[in-house]
């Protein structure tokens, strides 16, 4: 592949990110010059807790988990970043060691923009700074919703809302979803133990609301799932 094709591919990927949809072509082109593609096998750690934040990542294929670790080594998954998702924007500006662990859940391909290149772009293109601020504001709103759910919602409500948010409609009252990771990882992202997550799924199975086939979950009654308390 020649350099022109690589540049055009990079531009297409960046423009597809909500964070960069409104930035100028000049800013997008400058960012593209600092991009590199990374192939990471399953289980590779992209950023260790305590290390400097390496930059901004776009997930082109595969999945990446973002997690925090306790002093005892216990893990709490904050997010599972899937294809099209980005992570690392806010961490670059802390000027402190990264508080998160970023690790691939399967063989993945990512595009990385180094911290130094983004900092140089922010000096040259004010519209990029505004885009990043907007993206971080949206991220903050999402984190507030997550904290609200963990503090105020029951385990049943968290599982129900997760299934409804992830479900792809099959018809007017049925849907399906594929869990993006193991049940243990998904449970951690909902601030639940694996046992609690499995128990709540089993209750829905017994009520004939869902069917579970490994990581595939069929929702046979969306209306009942929405109305459960």
C-alpha atoms as a PDB file:
ATOM      1  CA  UNK A   1       0.000   0.000   0.000  1.00  0.00           C
ATOM      2  CA  UNK A   2       1.465   3.387  -0.925  1.00  0.00           C
ATOM      3  CA  UNK A   3       1.709   6.382   1.387  1.00  0.00           C
ATOM      4  CA  UNK A   4      -1.199   8.205  -0.276  1.00  0.00           C
ATOM      5  CA  UNK A   5      -3.484   5.244   0.351  1.00  0.00           C
ATOM      6  CA  UNK A   6      -2.323   5.027   3.974  1.00  0.00           C
ATOM      7  CA  UNK A   7      -2.992   8.749   4.444  1.00  0.00           C
ATOM      8  CA  UNK A   8      -6.474   8.442   2.944  1.00  0.00           C
ATOM      9  CA  UNK A   9      -7.278   5.406   5.089  1.00  0.00           C
ATOM     10  CA  UNK A  10      -6.097   7.213   8.202  1.00  0.00           C
ATOM     11  CA  UNK A  11      -8.149  10.267   7.315  1.00  0.00           C
ATOM     12  CA  UNK A  12     -11.238   8.071   6.817  1.00  0.00           C
ATOM     13  CA  UNK A  13     -10.743   6.406  10.224  1.00  0.00           C
ATOM     14  CA  UNK A  14     -10.241   9.706  12.047  1.00  0.00           C
ATOM     15  CA  UNK A  15     -13.205  11.390  10.361  1.00  0.00           C
ATOM     16  CA  UNK A  16     -15.379   8.458  11.427  1.00  0.00           C
ATOM     17  CA  UNK A  17     -14.700   9.212  15.090  1.00  0.00           C
ATOM     18  CA  UNK A  18     -17.361  11.432  16.719  1.00  0.00           C
ATOM     19  CA  UNK A  19     -14.552  13.350  18.420  1.00  0.00           C
ATOM     20  CA  UNK A  20     -13.100  14.510  15.086  1.00  0.00           C
ATOM     21  CA  UNK A  21     -16.173  14.896  12.874  1.00  0.00           C
ATOM     22  CA  UNK A  22     -16.252  18.694  13.151  1.00  0.00           C
ATOM     23  CA  UNK A  23     -12.547  19.521  13.168  1.00  0.00           C
ATOM     24  CA  UNK A  24     -10.975  21.216  10.154  1.00  0.00           C
ATOM     25  CA  UNK A  25      -9.364  19.268   7.342  1.00  0.00           C
ATOM     26  CA  UNK A  26      -6.041  20.875   8.238  1.00  0.00           C
ATOM     27  CA  UNK A  27      -6.256  19.656  11.830  1.00  0.00           C
ATOM     28  CA  UNK A  28      -7.312  16.202  10.684  1.00  0.00           C
ATOM     29  CA  UNK A  29      -4.420  16.014   8.241  1.00  0.00           C
ATOM     30  CA  UNK A  30      -1.939  17.058  10.918  1.00  0.00           C
ATOM     31  CA  UNK A  31      -3.268  14.425  13.310  1.00  0.00           C
ATOM     32  CA  UNK A  32      -3.002  11.808  10.585  1.00  0.00           C
ATOM     33  CA  UNK A  33       0.739  12.439  10.294  1.00  0.00           C
ATOM     34  CA  UNK A  34       1.188  11.258  13.875  1.00  0.00           C
ATOM     35  CA  UNK A  35      -0.867   8.067  13.601  1.00  0.00           C
ATOM     36  CA  UNK A  36       0.524   4.558  13.763  1.00  0.00           C
ATOM     37  CA  UNK A  37      -1.306   1.251  13.527  1.00  0.00           C
ATOM     38  CA  UNK A  38      -0.648  -1.379  16.183  1.00  0.00           C
ATOM     39  CA  UNK A  39      -1.456  -5.089  16.109  1.00  0.00           C
ATOM     40  CA  UNK A  40      -1.890  -6.402  19.646  1.00  0.00           C
ATOM     41  CA  UNK A  41      -2.570 -10.066  20.490  1.00  0.00           C
ATOM     42  CA  UNK A  42      -5.132 -11.104  23.077  1.00  0.00           C
ATOM     43  CA  UNK A  43      -4.018 -10.229  26.596  1.00  0.00           C
ATOM     44  CA  UNK A  44      -1.479  -7.565  25.611  1.00  0.00           C
ATOM     45  CA  UNK A  45      -1.301  -4.638  28.014  1.00  0.00           C
ATOM     46  CA  UNK A  46      -1.371  -1.348  26.119  1.00  0.00           C
ATOM     47  CA  UNK A  47      -0.929   0.770  29.213  1.00  0.00           C
ATOM     48  CA  UNK A  48       0.036  -0.282  32.730  1.00  0.00           C
ATOM     49  CA  UNK A  49      -1.320   1.499  35.766  1.00  0.00           C
ATOM     50  CA  UNK A  50       1.323   3.945  36.966  1.00  0.00           C
ATOM     51  CA  UNK A  51       2.914   4.499  33.551  1.00  0.00           C
ATOM     52  CA  UNK A  52       2.718   7.750  31.552  1.00  0.00           C
ATOM     53  CA  UNK A  53      -0.377   7.844  29.319  1.00  0.00           C
ATOM     54  CA  UNK A  54       0.860   6.786  25.839  1.00  0.00           C
ATOM     55  CA  UNK A  55      -1.658   8.708  23.752  1.00  0.00           C
ATOM     56  CA  UNK A  56      -5.054   8.368  22.127  1.00  0.00           C
ATOM     57  CA  UNK A  57      -6.192   4.977  20.803  1.00  0.00           C
ATOM     58  CA  UNK A  58      -8.851   4.081  18.211  1.00  0.00           C
ATOM     59  CA  UNK A  59     -10.003   0.450  18.181  1.00  0.00           C
ATOM     60  CA  UNK A  60     -10.128  -0.779  14.569  1.00  0.00           C
ATOM     61  CA  UNK A  61     -10.776  -4.429  15.395  1.00  0.00           C
ATOM     62  CA  UNK A  62     -10.995  -6.466  18.567  1.00  0.00           C
ATOM     63  CA  UNK A  63     -11.829  -5.240  22.074  1.00  0.00           C
ATOM     64  CA  UNK A  64      -9.970  -3.517  24.899  1.00  0.00           C
ATOM     65  CA  UNK A  65     -10.873  -3.446  28.578  1.00  0.00           C
ATOM     66  CA  UNK A  66     -10.139  -0.469  30.790  1.00  0.00           C
ATOM     67  CA  UNK A  67      -9.818  -1.427  34.441  1.00  0.00           C
ATOM     68  CA  UNK A  68      -8.593  -0.216  37.814  1.00  0.00           C
ATOM     69  CA  UNK A  69      -6.648  -2.459  40.161  1.00  0.00           C
ATOM     70  CA  UNK A  70      -6.625  -2.468  43.946  1.00  0.00           C
ATOM     71  CA  UNK A  71      -3.463  -2.858  46.000  1.00  0.00           C
ATOM     72  CA  UNK A  72      -4.489  -6.492  46.496  1.00  0.00           C
ATOM     73  CA  UNK A  73      -4.715  -7.032  42.734  1.00  0.00           C
ATOM     74  CA  UNK A  74      -8.513  -7.081  42.498  1.00  0.00           C
ATOM     75  CA  UNK A  75      -9.804  -5.784  39.198  1.00  0.00           C
ATOM     76  CA  UNK A  76     -12.788  -3.568  38.446  1.00  0.00           C
ATOM     77  CA  UNK A  77     -13.597  -3.219  34.761  1.00  0.00           C
ATOM     78  CA  UNK A  78     -14.720   0.319  33.919  1.00  0.00           C
ATOM     79  CA  UNK A  79     -15.366  -0.107  30.216  1.00  0.00           C
ATOM     80  CA  UNK A  80     -15.076  -2.513  27.312  1.00  0.00           C
ATOM     81  CA  UNK A  81     -14.011  -0.478  24.277  1.00  0.00           C
ATOM     82  CA  UNK A  82     -15.186  -2.063  21.041  1.00  0.00           C
ATOM     83  CA  UNK A  83     -14.645  -1.397  17.325  1.00  0.00           C
ATOM     84  CA  UNK A  84     -15.022   2.298  16.577  1.00  0.00           C
ATOM     85  CA  UNK A  85     -14.397   3.332  20.163  1.00  0.00           C
ATOM     86  CA  UNK A  86     -11.612   5.538  21.475  1.00  0.00           C
ATOM     87  CA  UNK A  87      -9.823   5.854  24.785  1.00  0.00           C
ATOM     88  CA  UNK A  88      -6.985   7.795  26.347  1.00  0.00           C
ATOM     89  CA  UNK A  89      -8.028  11.382  25.594  1.00  0.00           C
ATOM     90  CA  UNK A  90      -8.572  12.608  29.151  1.00  0.00           C
ATOM     91  CA  UNK A  91      -5.616  10.667  30.575  1.00  0.00           C
ATOM     92  CA  UNK A  92      -3.104  12.541  28.423  1.00  0.00           C
ATOM     93  CA  UNK A  93      -3.703  15.839  30.207  1.00  0.00           C
ATOM     94  CA  UNK A  94      -3.399  14.636  33.790  1.00  0.00           C
ATOM     95  CA  UNK A  95       0.409  14.961  33.731  1.00  0.00           C
ATOM     96  CA  UNK A  96       0.330  12.103  36.221  1.00  0.00           C
ATOM     97  CA  UNK A  97       0.833   8.332  35.963  1.00  0.00           C
ATOM     98  CA  UNK A  98      -2.055   6.591  34.226  1.00  0.00           C
ATOM     99  CA  UNK A  99      -4.590   5.333  36.821  1.00  0.00           C
ATOM    100  CA  UNK A 100      -5.955   2.619  34.500  1.00  0.00           C
ATOM    101  CA  UNK A 101      -4.932  -0.653  32.955  1.00  0.00           C
ATOM    102  CA  UNK A 102      -5.717  -1.041  29.239  1.00  0.00           C
ATOM    103  CA  UNK A 103      -5.602  -4.632  27.981  1.00  0.00           C
ATOM    104  CA  UNK A 104      -6.832  -6.368  24.833  1.00  0.00           C
ATOM    105  CA  UNK A 105      -9.576  -8.966  25.292  1.00  0.00           C
ATOM    106  CA  UNK A 106      -8.883 -10.539  21.897  1.00  0.00           C
ATOM    107  CA  UNK A 107      -6.487 -10.072  19.005  1.00  0.00           C
ATOM    108  CA  UNK A 108      -6.880  -6.397  18.149  1.00  0.00           C
ATOM    109  CA  UNK A 109      -5.794  -3.750  15.698  1.00  0.00           C
ATOM    110  CA  UNK A 110      -5.559  -0.184  16.936  1.00  0.00           C
ATOM    111  CA  UNK A 111      -4.501   3.221  15.714  1.00  0.00           C
ATOM    112  CA  UNK A 112      -2.487   5.304  18.160  1.00  0.00           C
ATOM    113  CA  UNK A 113      -1.789   9.030  18.132  1.00  0.00           C
ATOM    114  CA  UNK A 114       1.106   9.893  20.414  1.00  0.00           C
ATOM    115  CA  UNK A 115       0.688  12.401  23.211  1.00  0.00           C
ATOM    116  CA  UNK A 116       3.392  14.741  21.902  1.00  0.00           C
ATOM    117  CA  UNK A 117       1.762  14.945  18.475  1.00  0.00           C
ATOM    118  CA  UNK A 118      -1.668  15.728  19.945  1.00  0.00           C
ATOM    119  CA  UNK A 119      -0.184  18.443  22.145  1.00  0.00           C
ATOM    120  CA  UNK A 120       1.458  20.011  19.080  1.00  0.00           C
ATOM    121  CA  UNK A 121      -1.862  19.817  17.198  1.00  0.00           C
ATOM    122  CA  UNK A 122      -3.714  21.563  20.030  1.00  0.00           C
ATOM    123  CA  UNK A 123      -1.330  24.534  19.822  1.00  0.00           C
ATOM    124  CA  UNK A 124      -1.872  24.888  16.078  1.00  0.00           C
ATOM    125  CA  UNK A 125      -5.614  24.122  15.818  1.00  0.00           C
ATOM    126  CA  UNK A 126      -8.004  25.636  18.418  1.00  0.00           C
ATOM    127  CA  UNK A 127     -10.958  23.743  16.912  1.00  0.00           C
ATOM    128  CA  UNK A 128      -9.281  20.496  17.935  1.00  0.00           C
ATOM    129  CA  UNK A 129      -9.051  21.707  21.536  1.00  0.00           C
ATOM    130  CA  UNK A 130     -12.779  22.444  21.529  1.00  0.00           C
ATOM    131  CA  UNK A 131     -13.503  18.995  20.084  1.00  0.00           C
ATOM    132  CA  UNK A 132     -11.462  17.287  22.800  1.00  0.00           C
ATOM    133  CA  UNK A 133     -13.170  19.326  25.522  1.00  0.00           C
ATOM    134  CA  UNK A 134     -16.551  18.334  24.107  1.00  0.00           C
ATOM    135  CA  UNK A 135     -15.532  14.683  24.003  1.00  0.00           C
ATOM    136  CA  UNK A 136     -14.310  14.755  27.592  1.00  0.00           C
ATOM    137  CA  UNK A 137     -17.550  16.412  28.699  1.00  0.00           C
ATOM    138  CA  UNK A 138     -19.554  13.596  27.118  1.00  0.00           C
ATOM    139  CA  UNK A 139     -17.251  11.085  28.803  1.00  0.00           C
ATOM    140  CA  UNK A 140     -17.802  12.794  32.167  1.00  0.00           C
ATOM    141  CA  UNK A 141     -21.575  12.547  31.719  1.00  0.00           C
ATOM    142  CA  UNK A 142     -21.211   8.839  30.995  1.00  0.00           C
ATOM    143  CA  UNK A 143     -19.124   8.318  34.137  1.00  0.00           C
ATOM    144  CA  UNK A 144     -21.704  10.164  36.239  1.00  0.00           C
ATOM    145  CA  UNK A 145     -24.423   7.860  34.863  1.00  0.00           C
ATOM    146  CA  UNK A 146     -22.269   4.833  35.708  1.00  0.00           C
ATOM    147  CA  UNK A 147     -21.734   6.032  39.282  1.00  0.00           C
ATOM    148  CA  UNK A 148     -25.442   6.747  39.609  1.00  0.00           C
ATOM    149  CA  UNK A 149     -26.283   3.240  38.428  1.00  0.00           C
ATOM    150  CA  UNK A 150     -23.814   1.620  40.845  1.00  0.00           C
ATOM    151  CA  UNK A 151     -25.081   3.654  43.804  1.00  0.00           C
ATOM    152  CA  UNK A 152     -28.810   3.776  43.159  1.00  0.00           C
ATOM    153  CA  UNK A 153     -29.793   0.796  40.999  1.00  0.00           C
ATOM    154  CA  UNK A 154     -30.260  -2.771  42.168  1.00  0.00           C
ATOM    155  CA  UNK A 155     -28.395  -5.655  40.553  1.00  0.00           C
ATOM    156  CA  UNK A 156     -31.574  -6.579  38.687  1.00  0.00           C
ATOM    157  CA  UNK A 157     -31.949  -3.057  37.308  1.00  0.00           C
ATOM    158  CA  UNK A 158     -28.312  -2.905  36.189  1.00  0.00           C
ATOM    159  CA  UNK A 159     -28.556  -6.223  34.339  1.00  0.00           C
ATOM    160  CA  UNK A 160     -31.887  -5.297  32.782  1.00  0.00           C
ATOM    161  CA  UNK A 161     -30.652  -1.877  31.618  1.00  0.00           C
ATOM    162  CA  UNK A 162     -27.485  -3.408  30.220  1.00  0.00           C
ATOM    163  CA  UNK A 163     -29.421  -5.954  28.176  1.00  0.00           C
ATOM    164  CA  UNK A 164     -31.778  -3.303  26.867  1.00  0.00           C
ATOM    165  CA  UNK A 165     -28.910  -0.971  25.930  1.00  0.00           C
ATOM    166  CA  UNK A 166     -26.962  -3.679  24.102  1.00  0.00           C
ATOM    167  CA  UNK A 167     -29.849  -5.502  22.409  1.00  0.00           C
ATOM    168  CA  UNK A 168     -30.316  -5.452  18.643  1.00  0.00           C
ATOM    169  CA  UNK A 169     -34.044  -5.683  17.799  1.00  0.00           C
ATOM    170  CA  UNK A 170     -35.126  -8.805  15.920  1.00  0.00           C
ATOM    171  CA  UNK A 171     -38.772  -7.780  15.685  1.00  0.00           C
ATOM    172  CA  UNK A 172     -41.165  -5.569  17.660  1.00  0.00           C
ATOM    173  CA  UNK A 173     -40.822  -7.547  20.896  1.00  0.00           C
ATOM    174  CA  UNK A 174     -37.655  -9.601  20.538  1.00  0.00           C
ATOM    175  CA  UNK A 175     -33.949  -8.882  20.417  1.00  0.00           C
ATOM    176  CA  UNK A 176     -30.518 -10.401  20.777  1.00  0.00           C
ATOM    177  CA  UNK A 177     -27.040  -9.441  21.885  1.00  0.00           C
ATOM    178  CA  UNK A 178     -23.591 -10.957  22.038  1.00  0.00           C
ATOM    179  CA  UNK A 179     -21.694 -10.333  25.248  1.00  0.00           C
ATOM    180  CA  UNK A 180     -18.490  -8.470  24.292  1.00  0.00           C
ATOM    181  CA  UNK A 181     -16.405 -10.432  26.796  1.00  0.00           C
ATOM    182  CA  UNK A 182     -16.655 -13.216  29.348  1.00  0.00           C
ATOM    183  CA  UNK A 183     -19.492 -13.041  31.874  1.00  0.00           C
ATOM    184  CA  UNK A 184     -16.939 -12.275  34.595  1.00  0.00           C
ATOM    185  CA  UNK A 185     -15.626  -9.220  32.702  1.00  0.00           C
ATOM    186  CA  UNK A 186     -19.131  -7.983  31.853  1.00  0.00           C
ATOM    187  CA  UNK A 187     -20.192  -8.467  35.484  1.00  0.00           C
ATOM    188  CA  UNK A 188     -17.223  -6.405  36.666  1.00  0.00           C
ATOM    189  CA  UNK A 189     -18.151  -3.592  34.257  1.00  0.00           C
ATOM    190  CA  UNK A 190     -21.583  -3.510  35.950  1.00  0.00           C
ATOM    191  CA  UNK A 191     -19.968  -3.560  39.418  1.00  0.00           C
ATOM    192  CA  UNK A 192     -21.395  -7.018  40.079  1.00  0.00           C
ATOM    193  CA  UNK A 193     -19.813 -10.297  41.060  1.00  0.00           C
ATOM    194  CA  UNK A 194     -19.922 -13.029  38.395  1.00  0.00           C
ATOM    195  CA  UNK A 195     -22.232 -15.019  40.669  1.00  0.00           C
ATOM    196  CA  UNK A 196     -24.718 -12.145  40.968  1.00  0.00           C
ATOM    197  CA  UNK A 197     -24.675 -11.522  37.218  1.00  0.00           C
ATOM    198  CA  UNK A 198     -25.305 -15.208  36.480  1.00  0.00           C
ATOM    199  CA  UNK A 199     -28.060 -15.343  39.087  1.00  0.00           C
ATOM    200  CA  UNK A 200     -29.893 -12.373  37.549  1.00  0.00           C
ATOM    201  CA  UNK A 201     -29.620 -13.901  34.078  1.00  0.00           C
ATOM    202  CA  UNK A 202     -30.962 -17.187  35.435  1.00  0.00           C
ATOM    203  CA  UNK A 203     -33.971 -15.411  36.931  1.00  0.00           C
ATOM    204  CA  UNK A 204     -34.771 -13.912  33.538  1.00  0.00           C
ATOM    205  CA  UNK A 205     -34.381 -17.327  31.918  1.00  0.00           C
ATOM    206  CA  UNK A 206     -36.765 -18.883  34.449  1.00  0.00           C
ATOM    207  CA  UNK A 207     -39.283 -16.119  33.709  1.00  0.00           C
ATOM    208  CA  UNK A 208     -39.041 -16.947  29.965  1.00  0.00           C
ATOM    209  CA  UNK A 209     -37.803 -13.417  29.230  1.00  0.00           C
ATOM    210  CA  UNK A 210     -34.409 -14.415  27.810  1.00  0.00           C
ATOM    211  CA  UNK A 211     -32.476 -17.449  26.551  1.00  0.00           C
ATOM    212  CA  UNK A 212     -28.716 -17.760  27.008  1.00  0.00           C
ATOM    213  CA  UNK A 213     -26.513 -19.602  24.513  1.00  0.00           C
ATOM    214  CA  UNK A 214     -22.953 -19.077  25.730  1.00  0.00           C
ATOM    215  CA  UNK A 215     -22.242 -15.400  24.980  1.00  0.00           C
ATOM    216  CA  UNK A 216     -25.363 -14.967  22.857  1.00  0.00           C
ATOM    217  CA  UNK A 217     -28.470 -13.791  24.721  1.00  0.00           C
ATOM    218  CA  UNK A 218     -31.872 -13.927  23.026  1.00  0.00           C
ATOM    219  CA  UNK A 219     -34.491 -11.593  24.448  1.00  0.00           C
ATOM    220  CA  UNK A 220     -37.882 -13.186  23.833  1.00  0.00           C
ATOM    221  CA  UNK A 221     -39.946 -10.492  25.558  1.00  0.00           C
ATOM    222  CA  UNK A 222     -38.581  -6.949  25.394  1.00  0.00           C
ATOM    223  CA  UNK A 223     -41.750  -5.590  26.960  1.00  0.00           C
ATOM    224  CA  UNK A 224     -41.375  -7.809  30.011  1.00  0.00           C
ATOM    225  CA  UNK A 225     -37.701  -6.892  30.314  1.00  0.00           C
ATOM    226  CA  UNK A 226     -38.532  -3.180  30.265  1.00  0.00           C
ATOM    227  CA  UNK A 227     -41.264  -3.532  32.881  1.00  0.00           C
ATOM    228  CA  UNK A 228     -39.372  -5.698  35.400  1.00  0.00           C
ATOM    229  CA  UNK A 229     -38.472  -4.081  38.716  1.00  0.00           C
END
